[in-house]
Amino acid sequence: MKIDIDSVFFVDRDDFCYTLKESTGKVDKDGNEITKTHGYFKNLSSAMMKLRVIRASKSVPGEAIPLALYIEQLRKQTEDIKKFMQGLEVEE
């Protein structure tokens, strides 16, 4: 089952795990979507926490940032994910 998070990120769920993926916007020679896998998780909450780190890292341009700014971005992403998860029943 595919769970869309936004226009770029989604989670594939199967009988064994939740796989966090990112759409690259590209297709292979057979017309299949090319995705980047960011990890395999035992529950949706863990996948969303990984997404928090990815988004915080991508939200600040450049390679070196102050720790305080990175923590601020993590907090913002955590709040966004909490809003997304509200009302969802999540298996632990």
C-alpha atoms as a PDB file:
ATOM      1  CA  MET A   1       0.000   0.000   0.000  1.00  0.00           C
ATOM      2  CA  LYS A   2       1.316   3.437  -0.927  1.00  0.00           C
ATOM      3  CA  ILE A   3       0.777   6.256   1.586  1.00  0.00           C
ATOM      4  CA  ASP A   4       1.311   9.716   0.066  1.00  0.00           C
ATOM      5  CA  ILE A   5       2.799  12.239   2.473  1.00  0.00           C
ATOM      6  CA  ASP A   6       3.184  15.115   0.028  1.00  0.00           C
ATOM      7  CA  SER A   7       4.029  15.563  -3.658  1.00  0.00           C
ATOM      8  CA  VAL A   8       7.575  14.248  -3.129  1.00  0.00           C
ATOM      9  CA  PHE A   9       7.620  11.798  -0.208  1.00  0.00           C
ATOM     10  CA  PHE A  10       5.587   8.648   0.336  1.00  0.00           C
ATOM     11  CA  VAL A  11       5.657   5.444   2.365  1.00  0.00           C
ATOM     12  CA  ASP A  12       5.254   1.972   0.905  1.00  0.00           C
ATOM     13  CA  ARG A  13       3.778  -0.457   3.421  1.00  0.00           C
ATOM     14  CA  ASP A  14       3.977  -4.205   3.050  1.00  0.00           C
ATOM     15  CA  ASP A  15       3.608  -7.133   5.445  1.00  0.00           C
ATOM     16  CA  PHE A  16       7.100  -6.583   6.843  1.00  0.00           C
ATOM     17  CA  CYS A  17       7.841  -2.868   7.095  1.00  0.00           C
ATOM     18  CA  TYR A  18       7.259   0.741   6.114  1.00  0.00           C
ATOM     19  CA  THR A  19       9.630   2.042   3.428  1.00  0.00           C
ATOM     20  CA  LEU A  20      10.164   5.807   3.205  1.00  0.00           C
ATOM     21  CA  LYS A  21      10.690   6.875  -0.417  1.00  0.00           C
ATOM     22  CA  GLU A  22      11.245  10.084  -2.327  1.00  0.00           C
ATOM     23  CA  SER A  23      10.063  10.625  -5.876  1.00  0.00           C
ATOM     24  CA  THR A  24      12.868  11.808  -8.149  1.00  0.00           C
ATOM     25  CA  GLY A  25      10.521  12.973 -10.873  1.00  0.00           C
ATOM     26  CA  LYS A  26      12.284  10.665 -13.332  1.00  0.00           C
ATOM     27  CA  VAL A  27      11.249   7.475 -15.068  1.00  0.00           C
ATOM     28  CA  ASP A  28      13.331   4.569 -16.347  1.00  0.00           C
ATOM     29  CA  LYS A  29      13.354   3.324 -19.947  1.00  0.00           C
ATOM     30  CA  ASP A  30      10.284   1.157 -19.224  1.00  0.00           C
ATOM     31  CA  GLY A  31       8.293   4.116 -17.880  1.00  0.00           C
ATOM     32  CA  ASN A  32       8.564   3.122 -14.201  1.00  0.00           C
ATOM     33  CA  GLU A  33       8.969   5.877 -11.629  1.00  0.00           C
ATOM     34  CA  ILE A  34      12.479   6.148 -10.183  1.00  0.00           C
ATOM     35  CA  THR A  35      12.498   6.686  -6.416  1.00  0.00           C
ATOM     36  CA  LYS A  36      15.107   7.129  -3.714  1.00  0.00           C
ATOM     37  CA  THR A  37      14.687   4.897  -0.661  1.00  0.00           C
ATOM     38  CA  HIS A  38      15.483   6.581   2.663  1.00  0.00           C
ATOM     39  CA  GLY A  39      15.012   3.588   4.931  1.00  0.00           C
ATOM     40  CA  TYR A  40      12.968   0.667   6.191  1.00  0.00           C
ATOM     41  CA  PHE A  41      11.003   1.080   9.424  1.00  0.00           C
ATOM     42  CA  LYS A  42       8.919  -1.101  11.734  1.00  0.00           C
ATOM     43  CA  ASN A  43       6.157   1.525  12.018  1.00  0.00           C
ATOM     44  CA  LEU A  44       4.877   4.691  10.384  1.00  0.00           C
ATOM     45  CA  SER A  45       5.965   6.871  13.301  1.00  0.00           C
ATOM     46  CA  SER A  46       9.604   5.887  12.807  1.00  0.00           C
ATOM     47  CA  ALA A  47       9.394   6.624   9.088  1.00  0.00           C
ATOM     48  CA  MET A  48       7.938  10.047   9.835  1.00  0.00           C
ATOM     49  CA  MET A  49      10.727  10.837  12.293  1.00  0.00           C
ATOM     50  CA  LYS A  50      13.267  10.038   9.571  1.00  0.00           C
ATOM     51  CA  LEU A  51      11.372  12.360   7.236  1.00  0.00           C
ATOM     52  CA  ARG A  52      11.714  15.068   9.888  1.00  0.00           C
ATOM     53  CA  VAL A  53      15.501  14.830   9.710  1.00  0.00           C
ATOM     54  CA  ILE A  54      15.520  14.770   5.900  1.00  0.00           C
ATOM     55  CA  ARG A  55      13.319  17.848   5.624  1.00  0.00           C
ATOM     56  CA  ALA A  56      15.313  19.750   8.237  1.00  0.00           C
ATOM     57  CA  SER A  57      18.524  18.997   6.339  1.00  0.00           C
ATOM     58  CA  LYS A  58      17.048  20.105   3.012  1.00  0.00           C
ATOM     59  CA  SER A  59      15.403  23.252   4.347  1.00  0.00           C
ATOM     60  CA  VAL A  60      18.687  25.046   4.993  1.00  0.00           C
ATOM     61  CA  PRO A  61      20.883  25.641   1.917  1.00  0.00           C
ATOM     62  CA  GLY A  62      24.588  24.957   2.119  1.00  0.00           C
ATOM     63  CA  GLU A  63      26.569  22.204   3.768  1.00  0.00           C
ATOM     64  CA  ALA A  64      27.565  23.776   7.075  1.00  0.00           C
ATOM     65  CA  ILE A  65      24.967  25.303   9.381  1.00  0.00           C
ATOM     66  CA  PRO A  66      25.007  26.288  13.042  1.00  0.00           C
ATOM     67  CA  LEU A  67      23.701  23.640  15.410  1.00  0.00           C
ATOM     68  CA  ALA A  68      21.052  25.996  16.782  1.00  0.00           C
ATOM     69  CA  LEU A  69      19.611  26.519  13.295  1.00  0.00           C
ATOM     70  CA  TYR A  70      19.538  22.788  12.625  1.00  0.00           C
ATOM     71  CA  ILE A  71      17.730  22.149  15.925  1.00  0.00           C
ATOM     72  CA  GLU A  72      15.233  24.894  15.069  1.00  0.00           C
ATOM     73  CA  GLN A  73      14.545  23.200  11.732  1.00  0.00           C
ATOM     74  CA  LEU A  74      14.097  19.813  13.457  1.00  0.00           C
ATOM     75  CA  ARG A  75      11.561  21.343  15.839  1.00  0.00           C
ATOM     76  CA  LYS A  76       9.625  22.881  12.946  1.00  0.00           C
ATOM     77  CA  GLN A  77       9.556  19.587  11.076  1.00  0.00           C
ATOM     78  CA  THR A  78       8.465  17.752  14.240  1.00  0.00           C
ATOM     79  CA  GLU A  79       5.501  20.107  14.603  1.00  0.00           C
ATOM     80  CA  ASP A  80       4.581  19.653  10.931  1.00  0.00           C
ATOM     81  CA  ILE A  81       4.698  15.873  11.297  1.00  0.00           C
ATOM     82  CA  LYS A  82       2.608  15.966  14.487  1.00  0.00           C
ATOM     83  CA  LYS A  83      -0.052  17.944  12.603  1.00  0.00           C
ATOM     84  CA  PHE A  84       0.048  15.402   9.772  1.00  0.00           C
ATOM     85  CA  MET A  85      -0.230  12.448  12.152  1.00  0.00           C
ATOM     86  CA  GLN A  86      -3.139  13.881  14.194  1.00  0.00           C
ATOM     87  CA  GLY A  87      -6.192  11.749  13.794  1.00  0.00           C
ATOM     88  CA  LEU A  88      -4.324   8.841  12.207  1.00  0.00           C
ATOM     89  CA  GLU A  89      -4.246   5.519  13.970  1.00  0.00           C
ATOM     90  CA  VAL A  90      -0.637   4.408  13.851  1.00  0.00           C
ATOM     91  CA  GLU A  91       0.535   0.867  14.577  1.00  0.00           C
ATOM     92  CA  GLU A  92       3.462   0.723  16.959  1.00  0.00           C
END
